[in-house]
Amino acid sequence: MRRDRSRAGSAAAATKFLEEPTVTVVVRQINSRRVYITGEVAKPGPYNLSGPMTVLQLIATAGGVLEYADAKNIVVMRTENGKPVSYPFNYKDVIKRKNLKQNIELKPGDTVIVP
């Protein structure tokens, strides 16, 4: 009989814990925060946006522009308020420290096109 009572007591105690569970979720990686780069770069494709990243940093991450890239006419494509918007980026100016304001911070979903 003692065994039955201890089992019943354990079951009641377990039920008590299951009534109010506490769950902890740890996010290790957010894959929906991506930016894309296509065209004349060494490694085109999607890249995770794990923190602040500028156009120049994405180009560097993608291995840099290729020899025959039109580095003066790079475009950042973005959707704002449901409408497509484009921002020009002149790589040659930025690396010469000219017109640095065009080196904008990227947002999730942005696509950088290197013709």
PDB file of N, CA and C in Angstrom:
ATOM      1  N   MET A   1       0.799  -1.193   0.000  1.00  0.00           N
ATOM      2  CA  MET A   1       0.000   0.000   0.000  1.00  0.00           C
ATOM      3  C   MET A   1       0.846   1.263   0.000  1.00  0.00           C
ATOM      4  N   ARG A   2       1.916   1.204   0.680  1.00  0.00           N
ATOM      5  CA  ARG A   2       2.762   2.387   0.722  1.00  0.00           C
ATOM      6  C   ARG A   2       3.237   2.781  -0.673  1.00  0.00           C
ATOM      7  N   ARG A   3       3.556   1.798  -1.504  1.00  0.00           N
ATOM      8  CA  ARG A   3       3.991   2.096  -2.863  1.00  0.00           C
ATOM      9  C   ARG A   3       2.909   2.823  -3.638  1.00  0.00           C
ATOM     10  N   ASP A   4       1.677   2.381  -3.515  1.00  0.00           N
ATOM     11  CA  ASP A   4       0.574   3.024  -4.226  1.00  0.00           C
ATOM     12  C   ASP A   4       0.403   4.470  -3.777  1.00  0.00           C
ATOM     13  N   ARG A   5       0.502   4.701  -2.482  1.00  0.00           N
ATOM     14  CA  ARG A   5       0.338   6.062  -1.968  1.00  0.00           C
ATOM     15  C   ARG A   5       1.465   6.968  -2.458  1.00  0.00           C
ATOM     16  N   SER A   6       2.699   6.468  -2.474  1.00  0.00           N
ATOM     17  CA  SER A   6       3.809   7.308  -2.916  1.00  0.00           C
ATOM     18  C   SER A   6       3.697   7.602  -4.409  1.00  0.00           C
ATOM     19  N   ARG A   7       3.213   6.631  -5.185  1.00  0.00           N
ATOM     20  CA  ARG A   7       3.015   6.882  -6.619  1.00  0.00           C
ATOM     21  C   ARG A   7       1.916   7.901  -6.830  1.00  0.00           C
ATOM     22  N   ALA A   8       0.851   7.788  -6.077  1.00  0.00           N
ATOM     23  CA  ALA A   8      -0.248   8.738  -6.203  1.00  0.00           C
ATOM     24  C   ALA A   8       0.230  10.132  -5.807  1.00  0.00           C
ATOM     25  N   GLY A   9       1.022  10.209  -4.763  1.00  0.00           N
ATOM     26  CA  GLY A   9       1.573  11.491  -4.327  1.00  0.00           C
ATOM     27  C   GLY A   9       2.491  12.085  -5.376  1.00  0.00           C
ATOM     28  N   SER A  10       3.308  11.259  -6.025  1.00  0.00           N
ATOM     29  CA  SER A  10       4.217  11.733  -7.069  1.00  0.00           C
ATOM     30  C   SER A  10       3.444  12.224  -8.278  1.00  0.00           C
ATOM     31  N   ALA A  11       2.390  11.511  -8.649  1.00  0.00           N
ATOM     32  CA  ALA A  11       1.561  11.918  -9.781  1.00  0.00           C
ATOM     33  C   ALA A  11       0.904  13.260  -9.509  1.00  0.00           C
ATOM     34  N   ALA A  12       0.411  13.434  -8.289  1.00  0.00           N
ATOM     35  CA  ALA A  12      -0.224  14.705  -7.921  1.00  0.00           C
ATOM     36  C   ALA A  12       0.807  15.832  -7.955  1.00  0.00           C
ATOM     37  N   ALA A  13       1.998  15.552  -7.479  1.00  0.00           N
ATOM     38  CA  ALA A  13       3.055  16.561  -7.494  1.00  0.00           C
ATOM     39  C   ALA A  13       3.447  16.917  -8.927  1.00  0.00           C
ATOM     40  N   ALA A  14       3.539  15.933  -9.807  1.00  0.00           N
ATOM     41  CA  ALA A  14       3.876  16.182 -11.211  1.00  0.00           C
ATOM     42  C   ALA A  14       2.791  16.998 -11.891  1.00  0.00           C
ATOM     43  N   THR A  15       1.532  16.701 -11.596  1.00  0.00           N
ATOM     44  CA  THR A  15       0.414  17.449 -12.173  1.00  0.00           C
ATOM     45  C   THR A  15       0.494  18.907 -11.745  1.00  0.00           C
ATOM     46  N   LYS A  16       0.921  19.113 -10.539  1.00  0.00           N
ATOM     47  CA  LYS A  16       1.052  20.466 -10.022  1.00  0.00           C
ATOM     48  C   LYS A  16       2.061  21.265 -10.862  1.00  0.00           C
ATOM     49  N   PHE A  17       3.143  20.644 -11.251  1.00  0.00           N
ATOM     50  CA  PHE A  17       4.164  21.321 -12.052  1.00  0.00           C
ATOM     51  C   PHE A  17       3.708  21.563 -13.487  1.00  0.00           C
ATOM     52  N   LEU A  18       2.888  20.711 -14.033  1.00  0.00           N
ATOM     53  CA  LEU A  18       2.461  20.847 -15.424  1.00  0.00           C
ATOM     54  C   LEU A  18       1.355  21.875 -15.597  1.00  0.00           C
ATOM     55  N   GLU A  19       0.700  22.261 -14.530  1.00  0.00           N
ATOM     56  CA  GLU A  19      -0.382  23.234 -14.647  1.00  0.00           C
ATOM     57  C   GLU A  19       0.127  24.616 -15.007  1.00  0.00           C
ATOM     58  N   GLU A  20       1.292  24.970 -14.515  1.00  0.00           N
ATOM     59  CA  GLU A  20       1.832  26.300 -14.770  1.00  0.00           C
ATOM     60  C   GLU A  20       3.275  26.195 -15.269  1.00  0.00           C
ATOM     61  N   PRO A  21       3.461  25.719 -16.490  1.00  0.00           N
ATOM     62  CA  PRO A  21       4.828  25.563 -16.986  1.00  0.00           C
ATOM     63  C   PRO A  21       5.461  26.920 -17.313  1.00  0.00           C
ATOM     64  N   THR A  22       6.750  26.986 -17.147  1.00  0.00           N
ATOM     65  CA  THR A  22       7.517  28.163 -17.547  1.00  0.00           C
ATOM     66  C   THR A  22       8.444  27.717 -18.668  1.00  0.00           C
ATOM     67  N   VAL A  23       8.358  28.422 -19.799  1.00  0.00           N
ATOM     68  CA  VAL A  23       9.146  28.058 -20.967  1.00  0.00           C
ATOM     69  C   VAL A  23      10.101  29.198 -21.291  1.00  0.00           C
ATOM     70  N   THR A  24      11.323  28.848 -21.575  1.00  0.00           N
ATOM     71  CA  THR A  24      12.322  29.824 -21.989  1.00  0.00           C
ATOM     72  C   THR A  24      12.766  29.489 -23.402  1.00  0.00           C
ATOM     73  N   VAL A  25      12.712  30.492 -24.288  1.00  0.00           N
ATOM     74  CA  VAL A  25      13.137  30.307 -25.673  1.00  0.00           C
ATOM     75  C   VAL A  25      14.365  31.171 -25.906  1.00  0.00           C
ATOM     76  N   VAL A  26      15.418  30.570 -26.420  1.00  0.00           N
ATOM     77  CA  VAL A  26      16.639  31.299 -26.734  1.00  0.00           C
ATOM     78  C   VAL A  26      16.771  31.345 -28.252  1.00  0.00           C
ATOM     79  N   VAL A  27      16.785  32.564 -28.804  1.00  0.00           N
ATOM     80  CA  VAL A  27      16.932  32.736 -30.245  1.00  0.00           C
ATOM     81  C   VAL A  27      18.418  32.769 -30.555  1.00  0.00           C
ATOM     82  N   ARG A  28      18.866  31.814 -31.343  1.00  0.00           N
ATOM     83  CA  ARG A  28      20.285  31.751 -31.688  1.00  0.00           C
ATOM     84  C   ARG A  28      20.588  32.480 -32.983  1.00  0.00           C
ATOM     85  N   GLN A  29      19.613  32.492 -33.898  1.00  0.00           N
ATOM     86  CA  GLN A  29      19.840  33.141 -35.182  1.00  0.00           C
ATOM     87  C   GLN A  29      18.496  33.528 -35.778  1.00  0.00           C
ATOM     88  N   ILE A  30      18.425  34.733 -36.336  1.00  0.00           N
ATOM     89  CA  ILE A  30      17.219  35.194 -37.000  1.00  0.00           C
ATOM     90  C   ILE A  30      17.493  35.177 -38.498  1.00  0.00           C
ATOM     91  N   ASN A  31      16.904  34.216 -39.195  1.00  0.00           N
ATOM     92  CA  ASN A  31      17.171  34.078 -40.624  1.00  0.00           C
ATOM     93  C   ASN A  31      16.316  34.994 -41.493  1.00  0.00           C
ATOM     94  N   SER A  32      15.294  35.601 -40.912  1.00  0.00           N
ATOM     95  CA  SER A  32      14.448  36.474 -41.709  1.00  0.00           C
ATOM     96  C   SER A  32      15.085  37.853 -41.901  1.00  0.00           C
ATOM     97  N   ARG A  33      16.138  38.158 -41.160  1.00  0.00           N
ATOM     98  CA  ARG A  33      16.835  39.440 -41.297  1.00  0.00           C
ATOM     99  C   ARG A  33      18.001  39.257 -42.277  1.00  0.00           C
ATOM    100  N   ARG A  34      17.665  39.304 -43.550  1.00  0.00           N
ATOM    101  CA  ARG A  34      18.681  39.093 -44.586  1.00  0.00           C
ATOM    102  C   ARG A  34      18.740  40.272 -45.531  1.00  0.00           C
ATOM    103  N   VAL A  35      19.913  40.452 -46.102  1.00  0.00           N
ATOM    104  CA  VAL A  35      20.108  41.390 -47.197  1.00  0.00           C
ATOM    105  C   VAL A  35      20.691  40.586 -48.346  1.00  0.00           C
ATOM    106  N   TYR A  36      20.580  41.122 -49.531  1.00  0.00           N
ATOM    107  CA  TYR A  36      21.001  40.392 -50.730  1.00  0.00           C
ATOM    108  C   TYR A  36      21.932  41.267 -51.549  1.00  0.00           C
ATOM    109  N   ILE A  37      22.873  40.613 -52.204  1.00  0.00           N
ATOM    110  CA  ILE A  37      23.752  41.327 -53.129  1.00  0.00           C
ATOM    111  C   ILE A  37      23.883  40.474 -54.383  1.00  0.00           C
ATOM    112  N   THR A  38      23.745  41.120 -55.532  1.00  0.00           N
ATOM    113  CA  THR A  38      23.783  40.403 -56.797  1.00  0.00           C
ATOM    114  C   THR A  38      24.620  41.184 -57.800  1.00  0.00           C
ATOM    115  N   GLY A  39      25.066  40.492 -58.820  1.00  0.00           N
ATOM    116  CA  GLY A  39      25.841  41.141 -59.867  1.00  0.00           C
ATOM    117  C   GLY A  39      27.328  40.868 -59.757  1.00  0.00           C
ATOM    118  N   GLU A  40      28.117  41.873 -60.059  1.00  0.00           N
ATOM    119  CA  GLU A  40      29.565  41.741 -60.205  1.00  0.00           C
ATOM    120  C   GLU A  40      30.327  41.827 -58.877  1.00  0.00           C
ATOM    121  N   VAL A  41      30.032  40.872 -57.993  1.00  0.00           N
ATOM    122  CA  VAL A  41      30.793  40.719 -56.748  1.00  0.00           C
ATOM    123  C   VAL A  41      31.293  39.284 -56.689  1.00  0.00           C
ATOM    124  N   ALA A  42      32.304  39.051 -55.879  1.00  0.00           N
ATOM    125  CA  ALA A  42      32.915  37.720 -55.809  1.00  0.00           C
ATOM    126  C   ALA A  42      31.946  36.649 -55.292  1.00  0.00           C
ATOM    127  N   LYS A  43      31.118  36.987 -54.289  1.00  0.00           N
ATOM    128  CA  LYS A  43      30.206  35.999 -53.699  1.00  0.00           C
ATOM    129  C   LYS A  43      28.797  36.569 -53.579  1.00  0.00           C
ATOM    130  N   PRO A  44      28.045  36.647 -54.709  1.00  0.00           N
ATOM    131  CA  PRO A  44      26.677  37.166 -54.619  1.00  0.00           C
ATOM    132  C   PRO A  44      25.780  36.204 -53.840  1.00  0.00           C
ATOM    133  N   GLY A  45      24.700  36.750 -53.282  1.00  0.00           N
ATOM    134  CA  GLY A  45      23.742  35.902 -52.576  1.00  0.00           C
ATOM    135  C   GLY A  45      23.185  36.579 -51.347  1.00  0.00           C
ATOM    136  N   PRO A  46      22.439  35.812 -50.533  1.00  0.00           N
ATOM    137  CA  PRO A  46      21.863  36.375 -49.304  1.00  0.00           C
ATOM    138  C   PRO A  46      22.890  36.375 -48.167  1.00  0.00           C
ATOM    139  N   TYR A  47      22.812  37.385 -47.326  1.00  0.00           N
ATOM    140  CA  TYR A  47      23.674  37.489 -46.147  1.00  0.00           C
ATOM    141  C   TYR A  47      22.810  37.841 -44.941  1.00  0.00           C
ATOM    142  N   ASN A  48      23.078  37.192 -43.807  1.00  0.00           N
ATOM    143  CA  ASN A  48      22.349  37.492 -42.580  1.00  0.00           C
ATOM    144  C   ASN A  48      22.746  38.865 -42.058  1.00  0.00           C
ATOM    145  N   LEU A  49      21.750  39.595 -41.627  1.00  0.00           N
ATOM    146  CA  LEU A  49      21.948  40.926 -41.069  1.00  0.00           C
ATOM    147  C   LEU A  49      21.869  40.784 -39.556  1.00  0.00           C
ATOM    148  N   SER A  50      22.999  40.475 -38.928  1.00  0.00           N
ATOM    149  CA  SER A  50      23.011  40.205 -37.494  1.00  0.00           C
ATOM    150  C   SER A  50      23.225  41.465 -36.660  1.00  0.00           C
ATOM    151  N   GLY A  51      23.536  42.554 -37.306  1.00  0.00           N
ATOM    152  CA  GLY A  51      23.745  43.837 -36.633  1.00  0.00           C
ATOM    153  C   GLY A  51      23.799  44.922 -37.687  1.00  0.00           C
ATOM    154  N   PRO A  52      24.118  46.132 -37.297  1.00  0.00           N
ATOM    155  CA  PRO A  52      24.207  47.212 -38.286  1.00  0.00           C
ATOM    156  C   PRO A  52      25.230  46.879 -39.381  1.00  0.00           C
ATOM    157  N   MET A  53      24.860  47.141 -40.634  1.00  0.00           N
ATOM    158  CA  MET A  53      25.759  46.884 -41.766  1.00  0.00           C
ATOM    159  C   MET A  53      25.486  47.932 -42.839  1.00  0.00           C
ATOM    160  N   THR A  54      26.560  48.499 -43.382  1.00  0.00           N
ATOM    161  CA  THR A  54      26.437  49.486 -44.454  1.00  0.00           C
ATOM    162  C   THR A  54      26.600  48.796 -45.810  1.00  0.00           C
ATOM    163  N   VAL A  55      26.354  49.562 -46.865  1.00  0.00           N
ATOM    164  CA  VAL A  55      26.528  49.038 -48.226  1.00  0.00           C
ATOM    165  C   VAL A  55      27.970  48.592 -48.429  1.00  0.00           C
ATOM    166  N   LEU A  56      28.917  49.421 -48.034  1.00  0.00           N
ATOM    167  CA  LEU A  56      30.332  49.092 -48.207  1.00  0.00           C
ATOM    168  C   LEU A  56      30.709  47.822 -47.438  1.00  0.00           C
ATOM    169  N   GLN A  57      30.171  47.660 -46.247  1.00  0.00           N
ATOM    170  CA  GLN A  57      30.451  46.455 -45.460  1.00  0.00           C
ATOM    171  C   GLN A  57      29.883  45.212 -46.131  1.00  0.00           C
ATOM    172  N   LEU A  58      28.692  45.313 -46.732  1.00  0.00           N
ATOM    173  CA  LEU A  58      28.119  44.160 -47.441  1.00  0.00           C
ATOM    174  C   LEU A  58      28.962  43.810 -48.658  1.00  0.00           C
ATOM    175  N   ILE A  59      29.407  44.815 -49.388  1.00  0.00           N
ATOM    176  CA  ILE A  59      30.257  44.557 -50.555  1.00  0.00           C
ATOM    177  C   ILE A  59      31.539  43.853 -50.117  1.00  0.00           C
ATOM    178  N   ALA A  60      32.131  44.298 -49.017  1.00  0.00           N
ATOM    179  CA  ALA A  60      33.341  43.656 -48.504  1.00  0.00           C
ATOM    180  C   ALA A  60      33.051  42.220 -48.079  1.00  0.00           C
ATOM    181  N   THR A  61      31.923  42.001 -47.415  1.00  0.00           N
ATOM    182  CA  THR A  61      31.531  40.652 -46.990  1.00  0.00           C
ATOM    183  C   THR A  61      31.346  39.733 -48.193  1.00  0.00           C
ATOM    184  N   ALA A  62      30.856  40.298 -49.292  1.00  0.00           N
ATOM    185  CA  ALA A  62      30.637  39.522 -50.516  1.00  0.00           C
ATOM    186  C   ALA A  62      31.906  39.384 -51.348  1.00  0.00           C
ATOM    187  N   GLY A  63      33.031  39.743 -50.800  1.00  0.00           N
ATOM    188  CA  GLY A  63      34.301  39.534 -51.489  1.00  0.00           C
ATOM    189  C   GLY A  63      34.749  40.665 -52.372  1.00  0.00           C
ATOM    190  N   GLY A  64      34.029  41.776 -52.360  1.00  0.00           N
ATOM    191  CA  GLY A  64      34.421  42.942 -53.145  1.00  0.00           C
ATOM    192  C   GLY A  64      33.867  42.924 -54.559  1.00  0.00           C
ATOM    193  N   VAL A  65      33.971  44.077 -55.210  1.00  0.00           N
ATOM    194  CA  VAL A  65      33.490  44.187 -56.591  1.00  0.00           C
ATOM    195  C   VAL A  65      34.501  43.540 -57.528  1.00  0.00           C
ATOM    196  N   LEU A  66      34.003  42.984 -58.610  1.00  0.00           N
ATOM    197  CA  LEU A  66      34.868  42.340 -59.600  1.00  0.00           C
ATOM    198  C   LEU A  66      35.477  43.392 -60.535  1.00  0.00           C
ATOM    199  N   GLU A  67      36.471  42.985 -61.274  1.00  0.00           N
ATOM    200  CA  GLU A  67      37.234  43.883 -62.140  1.00  0.00           C
ATOM    201  C   GLU A  67      36.370  44.669 -63.124  1.00  0.00           C
ATOM    202  N   TYR A  68      35.366  44.024 -63.709  1.00  0.00           N
ATOM    203  CA  TYR A  68      34.565  44.688 -64.744  1.00  0.00           C
ATOM    204  C   TYR A  68      33.249  45.248 -64.213  1.00  0.00           C
ATOM    205  N   ALA A  69      33.107  45.368 -62.918  1.00  0.00           N
ATOM    206  CA  ALA A  69      31.896  45.934 -62.323  1.00  0.00           C
ATOM    207  C   ALA A  69      31.798  47.422 -62.643  1.00  0.00           C
ATOM    208  N   ASP A  70      30.583  47.896 -62.805  1.00  0.00           N
ATOM    209  CA  ASP A  70      30.337  49.327 -62.980  1.00  0.00           C
ATOM    210  C   ASP A  70      30.179  49.917 -61.578  1.00  0.00           C
ATOM    211  N   ALA A  71      31.292  50.112 -60.902  1.00  0.00           N
ATOM    212  CA  ALA A  71      31.310  50.472 -59.482  1.00  0.00           C
ATOM    213  C   ALA A  71      30.738  51.855 -59.197  1.00  0.00           C
ATOM    214  N   LYS A  72      30.567  52.666 -60.228  1.00  0.00           N
ATOM    215  CA  LYS A  72      30.001  54.003 -60.032  1.00  0.00           C
ATOM    216  C   LYS A  72      28.475  53.985 -60.022  1.00  0.00           C
ATOM    217  N   ASN A  73      27.877  52.887 -60.459  1.00  0.00           N
ATOM    218  CA  ASN A  73      26.416  52.828 -60.620  1.00  0.00           C
ATOM    219  C   ASN A  73      25.753  51.700 -59.834  1.00  0.00           C
ATOM    220  N   ILE A  74      26.235  51.437 -58.652  1.00  0.00           N
ATOM    221  CA  ILE A  74      25.625  50.430 -57.781  1.00  0.00           C
ATOM    222  C   ILE A  74      24.320  51.002 -57.240  1.00  0.00           C
ATOM    223  N   VAL A  75      23.319  50.132 -57.042  1.00  0.00           N
ATOM    224  CA  VAL A  75      22.006  50.570 -56.576  1.00  0.00           C
ATOM    225  C   VAL A  75      21.574  49.714 -55.395  1.00  0.00           C
ATOM    226  N   VAL A  76      20.996  50.373 -54.389  1.00  0.00           N
ATOM    227  CA  VAL A  76      20.378  49.669 -53.266  1.00  0.00           C
ATOM    228  C   VAL A  76      18.873  49.740 -53.485  1.00  0.00           C
ATOM    229  N   MET A  77      18.246  48.576 -53.596  1.00  0.00           N
ATOM    230  CA  MET A  77      16.789  48.500 -53.776  1.00  0.00           C
ATOM    231  C   MET A  77      16.150  48.180 -52.426  1.00  0.00           C
ATOM    232  N   ARG A  78      15.069  48.902 -52.107  1.00  0.00           N
ATOM    233  CA  ARG A  78      14.391  48.739 -50.820  1.00  0.00           C
ATOM    234  C   ARG A  78      12.900  48.968 -51.021  1.00  0.00           C
ATOM    235  N   THR A  79      12.087  48.328 -50.212  1.00  0.00           N
ATOM    236  CA  THR A  79      10.647  48.575 -50.222  1.00  0.00           C
ATOM    237  C   THR A  79      10.302  49.394 -48.993  1.00  0.00           C
ATOM    238  N   GLU A  80       9.729  50.578 -49.223  1.00  0.00           N
ATOM    239  CA  GLU A  80       9.307  51.461 -48.136  1.00  0.00           C
ATOM    240  C   GLU A  80       7.836  51.787 -48.324  1.00  0.00           C
ATOM    241  N   ASN A  81       7.051  51.511 -47.303  1.00  0.00           N
ATOM    242  CA  ASN A  81       5.600  51.736 -47.355  1.00  0.00           C
ATOM    243  C   ASN A  81       4.965  51.045 -48.564  1.00  0.00           C
ATOM    244  N   GLY A  82       5.444  49.846 -48.869  1.00  0.00           N
ATOM    245  CA  GLY A  82       4.892  49.055 -49.960  1.00  0.00           C
ATOM    246  C   GLY A  82       5.339  49.472 -51.348  1.00  0.00           C
ATOM    247  N   LYS A  83       6.227  50.446 -51.446  1.00  0.00           N
ATOM    248  CA  LYS A  83       6.679  50.928 -52.755  1.00  0.00           C
ATOM    249  C   LYS A  83       8.189  50.725 -52.897  1.00  0.00           C
ATOM    250  N   PRO A  84       8.634  50.312 -54.097  1.00  0.00           N
ATOM    251  CA  PRO A  84      10.072  50.148 -54.307  1.00  0.00           C
ATOM    252  C   PRO A  84      10.784  51.502 -54.364  1.00  0.00           C
ATOM    253  N   VAL A  85      11.926  51.562 -53.710  1.00  0.00           N
ATOM    254  CA  VAL A  85      12.750  52.779 -53.677  1.00  0.00           C
ATOM    255  C   VAL A  85      14.170  52.355 -54.005  1.00  0.00           C
ATOM    256  N   SER A  86      14.913  53.216 -54.705  1.00  0.00           N
ATOM    257  CA  SER A  86      16.307  52.893 -54.996  1.00  0.00           C
ATOM    258  C   SER A  86      17.209  54.022 -54.523  1.00  0.00           C
ATOM    259  N   TYR A  87      18.389  53.624 -54.064  1.00  0.00           N
ATOM    260  CA  TYR A  87      19.399  54.568 -53.596  1.00  0.00           C
ATOM    261  C   TYR A  87      20.680  54.314 -54.378  1.00  0.00           C
ATOM    262  N   PRO A  88      21.251  55.346 -55.003  1.00  0.00           N
ATOM    263  CA  PRO A  88      22.509  55.159 -55.744  1.00  0.00           C
ATOM    264  C   PRO A  88      23.689  55.022 -54.790  1.00  0.00           C
ATOM    265  N   PHE A  89      24.679  54.272 -55.229  1.00  0.00           N
ATOM    266  CA  PHE A  89      25.898  54.098 -54.446  1.00  0.00           C
ATOM    267  C   PHE A  89      27.074  54.071 -55.410  1.00  0.00           C
ATOM    268  N   ASN A  90      27.976  55.029 -55.255  1.00  0.00           N
ATOM    269  CA  ASN A  90      29.174  55.106 -56.085  1.00  0.00           C
ATOM    270  C   ASN A  90      30.351  54.595 -55.258  1.00  0.00           C
ATOM    271  N   TYR A  91      30.720  53.348 -55.494  1.00  0.00           N
ATOM    272  CA  TYR A  91      31.789  52.682 -54.743  1.00  0.00           C
ATOM    273  C   TYR A  91      33.107  53.456 -54.830  1.00  0.00           C
ATOM    274  N   LYS A  92      33.417  53.939 -56.027  1.00  0.00           N
ATOM    275  CA  LYS A  92      34.694  54.635 -56.228  1.00  0.00           C
ATOM    276  C   LYS A  92      34.768  55.917 -55.405  1.00  0.00           C
ATOM    277  N   ASP A  93      33.649  56.641 -55.310  1.00  0.00           N
ATOM    278  CA  ASP A  93      33.619  57.845 -54.478  1.00  0.00           C
ATOM    279  C   ASP A  93      33.815  57.503 -53.003  1.00  0.00           C
ATOM    280  N   VAL A  94      33.118  56.494 -52.543  1.00  0.00           N
ATOM    281  CA  VAL A  94      33.165  56.148 -51.115  1.00  0.00           C
ATOM    282  C   VAL A  94      34.567  55.707 -50.701  1.00  0.00           C
ATOM    283  N   ILE A  95      35.233  54.916 -51.527  1.00  0.00           N
ATOM    284  CA  ILE A  95      36.579  54.486 -51.136  1.00  0.00           C
ATOM    285  C   ILE A  95      37.588  55.633 -51.214  1.00  0.00           C
ATOM    286  N   LYS A  96      37.219  56.707 -51.922  1.00  0.00           N
ATOM    287  CA  LYS A  96      38.055  57.918 -51.950  1.00  0.00           C
ATOM    288  C   LYS A  96      37.611  58.920 -50.879  1.00  0.00           C
ATOM    289  N   ARG A  97      36.705  58.485 -50.009  1.00  0.00           N
ATOM    290  CA  ARG A  97      36.151  59.292 -48.919  1.00  0.00           C
ATOM    291  C   ARG A  97      35.360  60.492 -49.417  1.00  0.00           C
ATOM    292  N   LYS A  98      34.699  60.345 -50.552  1.00  0.00           N
ATOM    293  CA  LYS A  98      33.831  61.395 -51.093  1.00  0.00           C
ATOM    294  C   LYS A  98      32.377  60.941 -50.963  1.00  0.00           C
ATOM    295  N   ASN A  99      31.494  61.875 -50.697  1.00  0.00           N
ATOM    296  CA  ASN A  99      30.054  61.607 -50.650  1.00  0.00           C
ATOM    297  C   ASN A  99      29.729  60.388 -49.770  1.00  0.00           C
ATOM    298  N   LEU A 100      30.227  60.382 -48.554  1.00  0.00           N
ATOM    299  CA  LEU A 100      30.087  59.235 -47.659  1.00  0.00           C
ATOM    300  C   LEU A 100      28.653  58.994 -47.191  1.00  0.00           C
ATOM    301  N   LYS A 101      27.785  59.997 -47.316  1.00  0.00           N
ATOM    302  CA  LYS A 101      26.395  59.822 -46.870  1.00  0.00           C
ATOM    303  C   LYS A 101      25.647  58.766 -47.685  1.00  0.00           C
ATOM    304  N   GLN A 102      26.153  58.434 -48.862  1.00  0.00           N
ATOM    305  CA  GLN A 102      25.500  57.403 -49.674  1.00  0.00           C
ATOM    306  C   GLN A 102      25.753  55.993 -49.139  1.00  0.00           C
ATOM    307  N   ASN A 103      26.696  55.846 -48.218  1.00  0.00           N
ATOM    308  CA  ASN A 103      27.003  54.546 -47.620  1.00  0.00           C
ATOM    309  C   ASN A 103      25.990  54.282 -46.495  1.00  0.00           C
ATOM    310  N   ILE A 104      24.746  54.047 -46.884  1.00  0.00           N
ATOM    311  CA  ILE A 104      23.639  53.945 -45.936  1.00  0.00           C
ATOM    312  C   ILE A 104      23.659  52.614 -45.187  1.00  0.00           C
ATOM    313  N   GLU A 105      22.997  52.615 -44.038  1.00  0.00           N
ATOM    314  CA  GLU A 105      22.834  51.385 -43.275  1.00  0.00           C
ATOM    315  C   GLU A 105      21.728  50.562 -43.932  1.00  0.00           C
ATOM    316  N   LEU A 106      22.008  49.290 -44.132  1.00  0.00           N
ATOM    317  CA  LEU A 106      21.053  48.407 -44.789  1.00  0.00           C
ATOM    318  C   LEU A 106      19.957  47.964 -43.831  1.00  0.00           C
ATOM    319  N   LYS A 107      18.795  47.665 -44.408  1.00  0.00           N
ATOM    320  CA  LYS A 107      17.651  47.166 -43.645  1.00  0.00           C
ATOM    321  C   LYS A 107      17.309  45.773 -44.157  1.00  0.00           C
ATOM    322  N   PRO A 108      16.650  44.959 -43.325  1.00  0.00           N
ATOM    323  CA  PRO A 108      16.269  43.613 -43.779  1.00  0.00           C
ATOM    324  C   PRO A 108      15.480  43.672 -45.088  1.00  0.00           C
ATOM    325  N   GLY A 109      15.856  42.812 -46.031  1.00  0.00           N
ATOM    326  CA  GLY A 109      15.172  42.752 -47.319  1.00  0.00           C
ATOM    327  C   GLY A 109      15.816  43.587 -48.407  1.00  0.00           C
ATOM    328  N   ASP A 110      16.774  44.439 -48.065  1.00  0.00           N
ATOM    329  CA  ASP A 110      17.452  45.270 -49.072  1.00  0.00           C
ATOM    330  C   ASP A 110      18.217  44.383 -50.055  1.00  0.00           C
ATOM    331  N   THR A 111      18.286  44.856 -51.301  1.00  0.00           N
ATOM    332  CA  THR A 111      19.073  44.187 -52.328  1.00  0.00           C
ATOM    333  C   THR A 111      20.049  45.190 -52.923  1.00  0.00           C
ATOM    334  N   VAL A 112      21.307  44.842 -52.935  1.00  0.00           N
ATOM    335  CA  VAL A 112      22.343  45.678 -53.538  1.00  0.00           C
ATOM    336  C   VAL A 112      22.674  45.077 -54.892  1.00  0.00           C
ATOM    337  N   ILE A 113      22.559  45.905 -55.936  1.00  0.00           N
ATOM    338  CA  ILE A 113      22.812  45.448 -57.313  1.00  0.00           C
ATOM    339  C   ILE A 113      24.098  46.092 -57.792  1.00  0.00           C
ATOM    340  N   VAL A 114      25.061  45.258 -58.143  1.00  0.00           N
ATOM    341  CA  VAL A 114      26.350  45.717 -58.646  1.00  0.00           C
ATOM    342  C   VAL A 114      26.417  45.349 -60.123  1.00  0.00           C
ATOM    343  N   PRO A 115      26.150  46.337 -61.016  1.00  0.00           N
ATOM    344  CA  PRO A 115      26.136  46.016 -62.467  1.00  0.00           C
ATOM    345  C   PRO A 115      27.521  45.732 -63.012  1.00  0.00           C
TER     346      PRO A 115
END
